[in-house]
Amino acid sequence: MKIKITEVYDLLYSLGLTPDNTLFFHTAYAVWLCVERQERLLLVTKWLYPAVAEHYKTTWNAVERNLRRAVTEVWENRRSRMEEIAGAAIEKKPRPVQFLGMLTAYLLKGRVA
């Protein structure tokens, strides 16, 4: 079963992120790509960030910066929701790759045959 990008959007909305900023779309596309191929989480700066950057005609550095900003916004404003998604208490702010992994796992939960 494929995950629709709208499912990723709904998850980001639940974390307080909104589509009034490019960080929303960079994060959503990064998560969607990771859902499609989880191994992208292994080398985010070589595989994932460049793929998102190419899609949005920007640089991988801009993608990384936006993902860091997204993590910070969620950490500061919706930490309890982030912990619900993770299924555990989170002691320190996750790195972008950890955040992406958490969201990917959440979306895939219950969909593996």
Protein backbone atom coordinates (compact mmCIF):
# COMPACT_ATOMS: atom_id res chain seq x y z
CA MET A 1 0.00 0.00 0.00
CA LYS A 2 1.39 3.36 -1.02
CA ILE A 3 1.39 6.39 1.25
CA LYS A 4 -0.15 9.48 -0.32
CA ILE A 5 1.57 12.83 0.06
CA THR A 6 -1.65 14.11 1.65
CA GLU A 7 -1.10 11.64 4.50
CA VAL A 8 2.32 13.18 5.06
CA TYR A 9 0.75 16.66 4.99
CA ASP A 10 -1.82 15.59 7.60
CA LEU A 11 0.93 14.29 9.85
CA LEU A 12 2.87 17.55 9.54
CA TYR A 13 -0.31 19.55 10.27
CA SER A 14 -0.73 17.51 13.46
CA LEU A 15 2.78 18.62 14.42
CA GLY A 16 1.89 22.28 13.95
CA LEU A 17 3.67 22.76 10.62
CA THR A 18 1.77 24.64 7.94
CA PRO A 19 2.24 25.13 4.19
CA ASP A 20 2.99 28.83 4.48
CA ASN A 21 6.72 28.11 4.41
CA THR A 22 9.05 26.09 2.19
CA LEU A 23 10.17 24.06 5.21
CA PHE A 24 6.75 22.36 5.20
CA PHE A 25 7.13 21.19 1.61
CA HIS A 26 10.79 20.20 1.95
CA THR A 27 9.94 18.15 5.05
CA ALA A 28 6.87 16.56 3.47
CA TYR A 29 8.72 15.54 0.31
CA ALA A 30 11.68 14.21 2.32
CA VAL A 31 9.35 12.08 4.45
CA TRP A 32 7.48 10.84 1.40
CA LEU A 33 10.74 9.84 -0.30
CA CYS A 34 11.84 7.98 2.85
CA VAL A 35 8.51 6.16 3.02
CA GLU A 36 9.05 5.04 -0.57
CA ARG A 37 12.65 3.90 0.09
CA GLN A 38 13.70 3.76 3.73
CA GLU A 39 17.37 3.31 2.83
CA ARG A 40 17.44 7.00 1.92
CA LEU A 41 17.73 7.61 5.66
CA LEU A 42 21.19 6.01 5.60
CA LEU A 43 22.88 8.83 3.70
CA VAL A 44 20.67 11.88 3.91
CA THR A 45 23.28 14.37 2.68
CA LYS A 46 24.18 12.22 -0.34
CA TRP A 47 20.80 10.74 -1.31
CA LEU A 48 17.89 12.47 0.35
CA TYR A 49 18.69 16.18 0.61
CA PRO A 50 19.94 16.38 -3.02
CA ALA A 51 16.76 14.65 -4.26
CA VAL A 52 14.55 17.13 -2.39
CA ALA A 53 16.73 20.03 -3.55
CA GLU A 54 16.49 18.93 -7.17
CA HIS A 55 12.70 18.63 -6.94
CA TYR A 56 12.36 22.16 -5.51
CA LYS A 57 15.20 23.72 -7.55
CA THR A 58 17.27 24.70 -4.53
CA THR A 59 20.41 23.51 -2.74
CA TRP A 60 20.79 20.56 -0.40
CA ASN A 61 22.02 23.02 2.24
CA ALA A 62 18.71 24.90 2.08
CA VAL A 63 16.83 21.61 2.47
CA GLU A 64 18.94 20.64 5.49
CA ARG A 65 18.42 24.08 7.08
CA ASN A 66 14.65 23.84 6.56
CA LEU A 67 14.54 20.38 8.10
CA ARG A 68 16.47 21.63 11.13
CA ARG A 69 14.01 24.51 11.44
CA ALA A 70 11.07 22.11 11.19
CA VAL A 71 12.49 19.94 13.98
CA THR A 72 13.04 23.01 16.16
CA GLU A 73 9.50 24.30 15.59
CA VAL A 74 7.96 20.94 16.46
CA TRP A 75 10.28 20.47 19.44
CA GLU A 76 9.40 23.89 20.87
CA ASN A 77 5.67 23.88 20.11
CA ARG A 78 4.40 20.29 19.78
CA ARG A 79 6.85 18.14 21.69
CA SER A 80 4.11 15.99 23.23
CA ARG A 81 2.78 15.15 19.76
CA MET A 82 6.30 14.30 18.61
CA GLU A 83 6.61 11.90 21.56
CA GLU A 84 3.24 10.31 20.66
CA ILE A 85 4.54 9.68 17.16
CA ALA A 86 7.82 8.31 18.51
CA GLY A 87 6.00 6.13 21.01
CA ALA A 88 8.36 7.20 23.79
CA ALA A 89 9.63 10.17 25.75
CA ILE A 90 12.33 12.11 23.94
CA GLU A 91 15.04 13.56 26.16
CA LYS A 92 16.78 15.84 23.67
CA LYS A 93 15.83 17.45 20.40
CA PRO A 94 16.25 14.92 17.57
CA ARG A 95 18.52 15.51 14.64
CA PRO A 96 16.76 15.92 11.28
CA VAL A 97 17.50 12.33 10.23
CA GLN A 98 16.05 11.03 13.51
CA PHE A 99 12.96 13.18 12.99
CA LEU A 100 12.53 11.90 9.44
CA GLY A 101 13.00 8.32 10.62
CA MET A 102 10.38 8.80 13.32
CA LEU A 103 7.82 10.19 10.87
CA THR A 104 8.61 7.51 8.29
CA ALA A 105 8.19 4.71 10.82
CA TYR A 106 4.93 6.22 12.05
CA LEU A 107 3.47 6.36 8.55
CA LEU A 108 4.58 2.82 7.75
CA LYS A 109 3.33 1.35 11.02
CA GLY A 110 0.64 -1.21 10.33
CA ARG A 111 1.17 -1.09 6.58
CA VAL A 112 3.83 -3.78 6.30
CA ALA A 113 2.37 -7.08 5.14
